[in-house]
Amino acid sequence: MGLTSQSLEIAVIVLAVVCVAATVWLWPRLSRNGWRHVLARLGAILVTQLSLVSALALAVNANFEFYGNWDELLGNNEQAPASVSQGGGQYATVGNLKGGLIQPAGPQGLDRVTGLPKGPADKAGKVESVRIIGRRTRAINPGFVYLPPQYFQPQFRRQRFPVMVVISGYPGGIMNLAQHLQIPQNAGRLIAQGKMQPTVLVMVRPTIAPPRDTECVDVPGGPQAETFFTKDLPDAMKATYRVGHDPSAWGAFGYSSGGTCSLQLAMRNPDAYTSAVSLSGDYAIKDDLTTGSLFGPGPAGARRQREHDLLWRLEHLPAPQVSALVASSRQGEADYGDTMKFLHAVKPPMRADSIILPRGSHQFGTWRREVVPALEWQSQQLTFPQDTEPNKPPKPAPGQAKGTPPAAQAPADDRSHKKVEAERPHG
């Protein structure tokens, strides 16, 4: 059974309940004098405690995705293979798997998520459970990939699609994106309503070296998280799926630490991402107990940390040609003050919009109110790629495939900042 499988979690919970019941039932017999009975009591306590701790640890890991499989837990880091054959089954990828940079994976908790696409893929779309291999960083990260119905329709068979890289918070995992924020469910609904252009979404966690919080930073002598998100992940997606090759088709989207990552990735790497959504993200990255030393010691470390302060970058460096959407709340969010400073600091050619709630807090109830307008906003920033996949055998590609949606148009308003209305909670 897989480390995150529901069957393992249920089995360990049942075992814990049985151990507790057996200890209570047998305790009168174990209460007699003698060293054997003392050892028996200690053994019963130890087994019961281990079963309870194991059940709790599995439940926490299943929710936050600290470890995706037994090899990660045991420290057996795999090396990226040169190639892989396409697998079958419910969660297998439909990509061509050139280079083996994206592999089919088990459900990774996807089997516990409700509301996912059902029926023919060309009608409902599909969510795939995968592992993403970092060609440069050698990192192996779990992910979910949402493919819209148009991806499977004949008129789009040569068309490439825009991409949103959706990043969870820390501690957290891809399950939170599918289960709590319902990213693929909301995207499918918006695409069906014509409020979002057909888009491929890849859902990942912000760390590439769990349980350490790598904060999308290239750590000197350590994990190269920024390289993974700006080079490895795009290369893997382009090699496997029909997605756009130009940065204008790529956007980063996240909440909490994932929002922090999204802003950092776009502002520091506009040649990889041209838009970012940050729901309750921070505007500077600092070391703490979960990150360890991200920047290294001495003046060089101080310089690297300063360059990850987005307010400092806006004041001292040319603004990148990207668009950003930031979300916060006037009451209940600690980042509200910094959010307003960020919005006032943005200067052309960068553009920033906002979702500001009257009240909210750093939790999923707040982010669920913001996620739908945020998805719509980012879809408007991404251009639907005009390049197409070549025919086989190769033929000159036409300028635009039939049925291709028009590229998103820039708004007529040329102000550097505007508000985006958040979705009102139902009921």
Protein backbone atom coordinates (compact mmCIF):
# COMPACT_ATOMS: atom_id res chain seq x y z
CA MET A 1 0.00 0.00 0.00
CA GLY A 2 1.21 3.50 -0.84
CA LEU A 3 2.21 5.90 1.91
CA THR A 4 -0.68 8.26 1.09
CA SER A 5 -3.24 5.59 0.20
CA GLN A 6 -6.57 5.69 1.99
CA SER A 7 -6.46 1.93 2.58
CA LEU A 8 -3.24 2.22 4.60
CA GLU A 9 -4.63 5.10 6.63
CA ILE A 10 -7.82 3.15 7.45
CA ALA A 11 -5.85 -0.01 8.31
CA VAL A 12 -3.58 1.83 10.76
CA ILE A 13 -6.53 3.62 12.38
CA VAL A 14 -8.32 0.29 12.84
CA LEU A 15 -5.12 -1.19 14.31
CA ALA A 16 -4.85 1.72 16.77
CA VAL A 17 -8.46 1.25 17.89
CA VAL A 18 -7.87 -2.51 18.36
CA CYS A 19 -4.71 -1.85 20.40
CA VAL A 20 -6.51 0.60 22.69
CA ALA A 21 -9.43 -1.81 23.17
CA ALA A 22 -7.09 -4.75 23.82
CA THR A 23 -5.08 -2.76 26.38
CA VAL A 24 -8.25 -1.75 28.27
CA TRP A 25 -9.58 -5.32 28.18
CA LEU A 26 -6.34 -6.99 29.28
CA TRP A 27 -5.20 -4.41 31.81
CA PRO A 28 -6.73 -6.17 34.86
CA ARG A 29 -4.79 -9.33 34.00
CA LEU A 30 -1.58 -7.33 33.50
CA SER A 31 -1.91 -5.52 36.84
CA ARG A 32 -0.49 -8.37 38.89
CA ASN A 33 2.88 -8.17 40.61
CA GLY A 34 6.03 -9.56 39.07
CA TRP A 35 8.56 -8.42 36.52
CA ARG A 36 6.81 -10.25 33.67
CA HIS A 37 3.57 -8.36 34.27
CA VAL A 38 5.47 -5.07 34.54
CA LEU A 39 7.11 -5.72 31.16
CA ALA A 40 3.73 -6.72 29.70
CA ARG A 41 2.17 -3.44 30.88
CA LEU A 42 5.06 -1.44 29.41
CA GLY A 43 4.75 -3.35 26.14
CA ALA A 44 1.00 -2.73 25.96
CA ILE A 45 1.51 1.00 26.55
CA LEU A 46 4.30 1.15 23.96
CA VAL A 47 2.35 -0.68 21.24
CA THR A 48 -0.76 1.41 21.88
CA GLN A 49 1.18 4.67 21.74
CA LEU A 50 3.01 3.66 18.56
CA SER A 51 -0.23 2.73 16.83
CA LEU A 52 -1.89 6.02 17.81
CA VAL A 53 1.13 8.12 16.74
CA SER A 54 1.37 6.21 13.44
CA ALA A 55 -2.31 6.80 12.70
CA LEU A 56 -1.96 10.51 13.47
CA ALA A 57 1.23 10.83 11.41
CA LEU A 58 -0.36 9.15 8.39
CA ALA A 59 -3.42 11.40 8.61
CA VAL A 60 -1.26 14.55 8.83
CA ASN A 61 0.98 13.40 5.97
CA ALA A 62 -2.01 12.54 3.78
CA ASN A 63 -3.37 16.05 4.31
CA PHE A 64 -0.15 18.05 3.98
CA GLU A 65 1.82 15.77 1.59
CA PHE A 66 5.16 16.05 3.42
CA TYR A 67 6.17 12.70 1.90
CA GLY A 68 4.56 11.33 -1.24
CA ASN A 69 5.87 7.76 -1.06
CA TRP A 70 7.92 5.33 1.04
CA ASP A 71 11.17 6.18 -0.75
CA GLU A 72 10.85 9.85 0.20
CA LEU A 73 10.16 8.90 3.82
CA LEU A 74 13.15 6.55 3.97
CA GLY A 75 15.47 8.96 2.14
CA ASN A 76 15.89 6.76 -0.94
CA ASN A 77 16.08 9.58 -3.49
CA GLU A 78 15.61 8.31 -7.00
CA GLN A 79 17.67 9.42 -9.98
CA ALA A 80 15.73 10.67 -12.97
CA PRO A 81 15.52 7.98 -15.65
CA ALA A 82 16.39 8.71 -19.26
CA SER A 83 13.02 7.56 -20.58
CA VAL A 84 9.81 5.92 -19.48
CA SER A 85 7.10 3.99 -21.24
CA GLN A 86 3.57 5.34 -21.17
CA GLY A 87 1.58 3.66 -18.43
CA GLY A 88 -2.05 2.61 -18.37
CA GLY A 89 -4.73 2.90 -15.75
CA GLN A 90 -6.95 5.64 -14.43
CA TYR A 91 -4.21 8.04 -13.44
CA ALA A 92 -1.80 7.51 -16.35
CA THR A 93 -0.65 10.54 -18.30
CA VAL A 94 -1.74 10.99 -21.91
CA GLY A 95 1.35 12.98 -22.83
CA ASN A 96 3.95 11.56 -25.16
CA LEU A 97 6.52 11.39 -22.33
CA LYS A 98 9.47 12.46 -24.46
CA GLY A 99 12.51 12.37 -22.19
CA GLY A 100 10.57 10.80 -19.33
CA LEU A 101 10.35 14.10 -17.42
CA ILE A 102 6.74 13.49 -16.35
CA GLN A 103 5.71 10.03 -15.21
CA PRO A 104 2.33 8.52 -14.39
CA ALA A 105 1.81 8.14 -10.64
CA GLY A 106 -0.66 6.46 -8.34
CA PRO A 107 -3.65 8.46 -7.12
CA GLN A 108 -1.62 10.43 -4.51
CA GLY A 109 -4.93 11.11 -2.72
CA LEU A 110 -6.78 12.06 -5.90
CA ASP A 111 -9.17 9.16 -5.34
CA ARG A 112 -10.48 10.96 -2.23
CA VAL A 113 -11.37 14.18 -4.07
CA THR A 114 -14.98 14.79 -5.10
CA GLY A 115 -16.23 16.71 -8.11
CA LEU A 116 -13.42 15.79 -10.51
CA PRO A 117 -14.20 15.38 -14.23
CA LYS A 118 -16.12 12.22 -15.08
CA GLY A 119 -17.05 10.80 -18.45
CA PRO A 120 -15.32 11.15 -21.83
CA ALA A 121 -12.26 13.38 -21.66
CA ASP A 122 -13.34 15.38 -24.73
CA LYS A 123 -16.52 16.33 -22.89
CA ALA A 124 -15.42 16.70 -19.27
CA GLY A 125 -11.63 17.07 -19.34
CA LYS A 126 -9.28 15.03 -17.15
CA VAL A 127 -7.09 15.30 -14.07
CA GLU A 128 -3.90 13.23 -14.10
CA SER A 129 -1.70 12.26 -11.15
CA VAL A 130 1.98 12.53 -12.07
CA ARG A 131 5.54 12.86 -10.84
CA ILE A 132 7.60 15.70 -12.31
CA ILE A 133 11.31 15.03 -12.81
CA GLY A 134 13.78 17.91 -12.62
CA ARG A 135 16.35 17.43 -15.38
CA ARG A 136 18.75 19.98 -13.86
CA THR A 137 17.87 19.82 -10.18
CA ARG A 138 17.20 16.04 -10.05
CA ALA A 139 14.19 16.86 -7.88
CA ILE A 140 11.11 14.63 -8.05
CA ASN A 141 7.89 16.45 -7.22
CA PRO A 142 4.33 15.09 -7.12
CA GLY A 143 1.70 16.91 -9.14
CA PHE A 144 -1.78 16.91 -10.61
CA VAL A 145 -2.33 18.06 -14.20
CA TYR A 146 -5.74 19.30 -15.34
CA LEU A 147 -6.42 19.00 -19.08
CA PRO A 148 -9.52 20.83 -20.39
CA PRO A 149 -11.99 19.07 -22.70
CA GLN A 150 -10.64 21.00 -25.70
CA TYR A 151 -7.28 19.27 -25.25
CA PHE A 152 -8.89 16.04 -26.46
CA GLN A 153 -11.13 17.45 -29.20
CA PRO A 154 -10.18 16.85 -32.85
CA GLN A 155 -10.24 20.52 -33.87
CA PHE A 156 -7.59 21.25 -31.21
CA ARG A 157 -5.39 18.24 -31.95
CA ARG A 158 -2.44 20.39 -33.03
CA GLN A 159 -3.14 23.34 -30.75
CA ARG A 160 -0.94 24.27 -27.81
CA PHE A 161 -2.58 25.56 -24.63
CA PRO A 162 -1.76 28.23 -22.02
CA VAL A 163 -0.53 26.99 -18.62
CA MET A 164 -1.14 27.95 -15.01
CA VAL A 165 1.33 26.58 -12.47
CA VAL A 166 -0.74 26.43 -9.26
CA ILE A 167 1.31 26.19 -6.06
CA SER A 168 -0.01 25.15 -2.65
CA GLY A 169 0.96 26.64 0.71
CA TYR A 170 3.43 25.25 3.22
CA PRO A 171 2.99 23.00 5.04
CA GLY A 172 0.61 21.66 2.50
CA GLY A 173 0.37 19.68 -0.66
CA ILE A 174 -1.38 19.18 -3.93
CA MET A 175 -4.37 17.58 -2.18
CA ASN A 176 -5.25 21.00 -0.73
CA LEU A 177 -5.45 22.45 -4.23
CA ALA A 178 -7.82 19.75 -5.47
CA GLN A 179 -9.83 19.15 -2.30
CA HIS A 180 -10.06 22.46 -0.43
CA LEU A 181 -9.64 25.08 -3.18
CA GLN A 182 -11.11 22.82 -5.89
CA ILE A 183 -8.82 24.28 -8.54
CA PRO A 184 -9.58 21.77 -11.33
CA GLN A 185 -13.31 21.73 -10.51
CA ASN A 186 -13.52 25.54 -10.63
CA ALA A 187 -11.42 25.74 -13.79
CA GLY A 188 -13.61 23.21 -15.58
CA ARG A 189 -16.75 25.08 -14.59
CA LEU A 190 -15.36 28.45 -15.73
CA ILE A 191 -14.17 27.03 -19.06
CA ALA A 192 -17.61 25.50 -19.67
CA GLN A 193 -19.21 28.89 -18.91
CA GLY A 194 -16.87 30.72 -21.28
CA LYS A 195 -15.37 32.76 -18.44
CA MET A 196 -11.92 31.20 -18.79
CA GLN A 197 -10.09 30.13 -21.91
CA PRO A 198 -9.11 26.45 -22.21
CA THR A 199 -6.00 26.14 -20.04
CA VAL A 200 -3.74 23.38 -18.75
CA LEU A 201 -3.18 23.57 -14.98
CA VAL A 202 -0.31 21.86 -13.20
CA MET A 203 -0.74 21.70 -9.42
CA VAL A 204 2.40 21.34 -7.28
CA ARG A 205 3.68 22.00 -3.76
CA PRO A 206 6.19 24.83 -3.07
CA THR A 207 8.98 22.68 -1.63
CA ILE A 208 11.19 20.35 -3.65
CA ALA A 209 12.98 18.96 -0.58
CA PRO A 210 10.34 18.06 2.05
CA PRO A 211 10.00 18.59 4.93
CA ARG A 212 12.23 21.64 4.39
CA ASP A 213 10.44 24.78 3.18
CA THR A 214 12.53 25.80 0.15
CA GLU A 215 10.37 28.89 -0.65
CA CYS A 216 11.18 28.68 -4.40
CA VAL A 217 14.76 29.77 -3.69
CA ASP A 218 18.00 28.42 -5.17
CA VAL A 219 19.79 27.60 -1.91
CA PRO A 220 23.61 27.88 -2.15
CA GLY A 221 24.89 24.30 -1.93
CA GLY A 222 21.31 23.07 -1.41
CA PRO A 223 18.00 22.53 -3.21
CA GLN A 224 17.60 24.57 -6.39
CA ALA A 225 13.89 25.34 -6.10
CA GLU A 226 13.81 28.44 -8.31
CA THR A 227 15.56 26.53 -11.09
CA PHE A 228 13.03 23.71 -10.75
CA PHE A 229 10.05 26.06 -11.15
CA THR A 230 11.48 28.28 -13.88
CA LYS A 231 13.34 25.70 -16.00
CA ASP A 232 12.72 22.08 -15.03
CA LEU A 233 8.95 22.21 -14.67
CA PRO A 234 8.32 24.21 -17.88
CA ASP A 235 10.68 21.93 -19.82
CA ALA A 236 8.92 18.83 -18.47
CA MET A 237 5.47 20.18 -19.37
CA LYS A 238 6.54 21.24 -22.86
CA ALA A 239 8.11 17.85 -23.50
CA THR A 240 4.99 15.96 -22.42
CA TYR A 241 1.91 18.06 -23.17
CA ARG A 242 0.77 20.39 -25.96
CA VAL A 243 1.41 23.64 -24.10
CA GLY A 244 2.65 27.04 -25.17
CA HIS A 245 6.38 27.67 -25.49
CA ASP A 246 6.26 31.46 -25.16
CA PRO A 247 6.30 33.02 -21.65
CA SER A 248 3.12 34.96 -22.49
CA ALA A 249 1.24 31.65 -22.20
CA TRP A 250 2.55 30.91 -18.69
CA GLY A 251 1.34 32.15 -15.31
CA ALA A 252 2.03 31.28 -11.66
CA PHE A 253 -0.82 31.04 -9.12
CA GLY A 254 -0.69 30.27 -5.40
CA TYR A 255 -1.92 30.85 -1.88
CA SER A 256 0.15 31.57 1.26
CA SER A 257 3.70 30.32 0.58
CA GLY A 258 2.57 29.38 -2.92
CA GLY A 259 1.48 32.99 -3.46
CA THR A 260 4.87 34.18 -2.24
CA CYS A 261 6.49 31.82 -4.74
CA SER A 262 4.26 33.01 -7.58
CA LEU A 263 5.23 36.66 -7.17
CA GLN A 264 8.91 35.80 -6.79
CA LEU A 265 8.91 33.57 -9.86
CA ALA A 266 7.25 36.11 -12.14
CA MET A 267 9.09 39.21 -10.95
CA ARG A 268 12.50 37.54 -10.92
CA ASN A 269 11.94 35.46 -14.07
CA PRO A 270 9.68 37.31 -16.55
CA ASP A 271 11.17 35.13 -19.29
CA ALA A 272 9.40 32.14 -17.65
CA TYR A 273 6.16 33.60 -16.22
CA THR A 274 4.43 36.80 -17.30
CA SER A 275 1.68 36.87 -14.68
CA ALA A 276 1.29 35.90 -11.03
CA VAL A 277 -1.58 35.45 -8.58
CA SER A 278 -0.80 35.68 -4.87
CA LEU A 279 -3.54 34.96 -2.33
CA SER A 280 -2.23 36.04 1.10
CA GLY A 281 1.39 35.76 0.04
CA ASP A 282 4.40 37.58 1.51
CA TYR A 283 6.55 40.12 -0.30
CA ALA A 284 9.92 39.12 1.15
CA ILE A 285 11.50 35.77 1.99
CA LYS A 286 13.19 35.29 5.35
CA ASP A 287 14.87 32.39 7.10
CA ASP A 288 12.99 30.55 9.85
CA LEU A 289 12.96 27.13 11.51
CA THR A 290 11.26 25.48 8.53
CA THR A 291 13.53 26.99 5.87
CA GLY A 292 16.96 26.82 7.46
CA SER A 293 19.51 29.10 5.80
CA LEU A 294 18.19 29.88 2.34
CA PHE A 295 20.71 32.50 1.25
CA GLY A 296 24.02 31.58 2.85
CA PRO A 297 26.28 33.64 5.12
CA GLY A 298 28.10 36.93 4.73
CA PRO A 299 27.58 39.84 2.33
CA ALA A 300 26.69 37.52 -0.56
CA GLY A 301 23.93 35.93 1.52
CA ALA A 302 22.61 39.35 2.55
CA ARG A 303 22.58 40.43 -1.10
CA ARG A 304 20.68 37.31 -2.17
CA GLN A 305 18.11 37.83 0.59
CA ARG A 306 17.68 41.49 -0.37
CA GLU A 307 17.04 40.49 -3.99
CA HIS A 308 14.13 38.33 -2.79
CA ASP A 309 12.49 41.38 -1.15
CA LEU A 310 9.97 42.50 -3.77
CA LEU A 311 9.47 45.98 -2.29
CA TRP A 312 13.25 46.50 -2.46
CA ARG A 313 13.28 45.29 -6.06
CA LEU A 314 10.52 47.72 -7.07
CA GLU A 315 12.42 50.61 -5.49
CA HIS A 316 15.93 49.81 -6.76
CA LEU A 317 15.55 47.76 -9.94
CA PRO A 318 13.67 48.23 -13.22
CA ALA A 319 10.14 46.85 -13.00
CA PRO A 320 9.58 43.64 -14.98
CA GLN A 321 6.95 43.52 -17.74
CA VAL A 322 4.55 41.23 -15.85
CA SER A 323 1.08 41.49 -14.35
CA ALA A 324 0.21 40.52 -10.77
CA LEU A 325 -2.96 39.98 -8.77
CA VAL A 326 -2.60 40.17 -4.99
CA ALA A 327 -5.31 39.39 -2.43
CA SER A 328 -5.65 40.35 1.22
CA SER A 329 -8.21 41.52 3.81
CA ARG A 330 -8.45 44.82 5.67
CA GLN A 331 -9.19 42.97 8.90
CA GLY A 332 -7.74 39.58 9.81
CA GLU A 333 -4.78 39.37 7.41
CA ALA A 334 -1.31 40.25 8.69
CA ASP A 335 -0.06 41.07 5.19
CA TYR A 336 -2.61 43.83 4.45
CA GLY A 337 -0.16 46.67 5.15
CA ASP A 338 2.56 45.17 2.96
CA THR A 339 0.00 44.45 0.24
CA MET A 340 -0.93 48.14 0.05
CA LYS A 341 2.75 49.12 0.00
CA PHE A 342 3.32 46.69 -2.85
CA LEU A 343 0.38 48.03 -4.86
CA HIS A 344 1.59 51.61 -4.46
CA ALA A 345 5.17 50.65 -5.35
CA VAL A 346 4.29 48.96 -8.66
CA LYS A 347 5.37 51.00 -11.67
CA PRO A 348 5.18 50.52 -15.45
CA PRO A 349 5.68 48.35 -17.35
CA MET A 350 4.53 46.13 -14.46
CA ARG A 351 0.82 46.10 -13.66
CA ALA A 352 -0.89 45.03 -10.43
CA ASP A 353 -4.54 44.41 -9.57
CA SER A 354 -6.03 43.44 -6.23
CA ILE A 355 -8.76 41.61 -4.35
CA ILE A 356 -9.23 43.28 -0.97
CA LEU A 357 -11.89 41.76 1.30
CA PRO A 358 -13.35 43.71 4.23
CA ARG A 359 -12.64 40.79 6.56
CA GLY A 360 -10.81 37.51 6.18
CA SER A 361 -8.06 35.40 7.64
CA HIS A 362 -5.23 33.12 6.59
CA GLN A 363 -7.35 30.07 5.83
CA PHE A 364 -9.22 28.22 3.09
CA GLY A 365 -12.55 29.92 3.78
CA THR A 366 -11.00 33.22 2.67
CA TRP A 367 -9.15 31.76 -0.32
CA ARG A 368 -12.25 29.99 -1.61
CA ARG A 369 -13.91 33.40 -1.96
CA GLU A 370 -10.95 34.65 -4.00
CA VAL A 371 -10.05 31.68 -6.18
CA VAL A 372 -12.77 32.01 -8.86
CA PRO A 373 -12.16 35.70 -9.72
CA ALA A 374 -8.42 35.01 -9.51
CA LEU A 375 -8.66 32.19 -12.06
CA GLU A 376 -10.72 34.42 -14.37
CA TRP A 377 -8.20 37.25 -13.98
CA GLN A 378 -5.18 35.13 -14.80
CA SER A 379 -6.90 33.57 -17.80
CA GLN A 380 -7.25 37.10 -19.21
CA GLN A 381 -3.51 37.68 -18.84
CA LEU A 382 -2.42 34.56 -20.72
CA THR A 383 -2.26 34.52 -24.50
CA PHE A 384 -3.66 31.47 -26.24
CA PRO A 385 -0.58 30.26 -28.13
CA GLN A 386 -0.65 30.88 -31.86
CA ASP A 387 2.02 28.24 -32.50
CA THR A 388 0.85 24.69 -33.20
CA GLU A 389 2.22 21.18 -33.02
CA PRO A 390 3.60 20.00 -36.39
CA ASN A 391 1.78 17.36 -38.38
CA LYS A 392 3.25 13.89 -38.66
CA PRO A 393 4.93 13.70 -41.17
CA PRO A 394 5.90 17.36 -40.60
CA LYS A 395 4.10 19.92 -42.72
CA PRO A 396 4.16 23.71 -42.62
CA ALA A 397 2.01 24.77 -39.68
CA PRO A 398 -0.85 27.16 -40.39
CA GLY A 399 -0.96 30.44 -38.57
CA GLN A 400 -3.90 29.39 -36.43
CA ALA A 401 -5.89 26.19 -35.99
CA LYS A 402 -9.64 26.19 -36.55
CA GLY A 403 -11.64 26.87 -33.44
CA THR A 404 -8.77 28.58 -31.67
CA PRO A 405 -10.05 31.09 -29.09
CA PRO A 406 -8.65 34.60 -29.60
CA ALA A 407 -5.77 35.71 -27.44
CA ALA A 408 -6.79 37.55 -24.31
CA GLN A 409 -6.95 41.28 -24.95
CA ALA A 410 -5.32 43.79 -22.65
CA PRO A 411 -7.87 45.92 -20.81
CA ALA A 412 -8.51 49.39 -22.18
CA ASP A 413 -7.74 50.87 -18.77
CA ASP A 414 -3.99 51.61 -18.70
CA ARG A 415 -3.77 52.23 -14.97
CA SER A 416 -1.13 50.19 -13.17
CA HIS A 417 -3.60 49.02 -10.51
CA LYS A 418 -7.27 48.16 -10.28
CA LYS A 419 -9.50 46.12 -8.00
CA VAL A 420 -10.92 42.73 -8.90
CA GLU A 421 -14.24 41.87 -7.30
CA ALA A 422 -14.08 38.75 -5.14
CA GLU A 423 -16.74 36.10 -5.45
CA ARG A 424 -19.39 36.52 -2.79
CA PRO A 425 -19.80 33.50 -0.54
CA HIS A 426 -22.94 31.48 -1.23
CA GLY A 427 -25.69 31.65 1.35
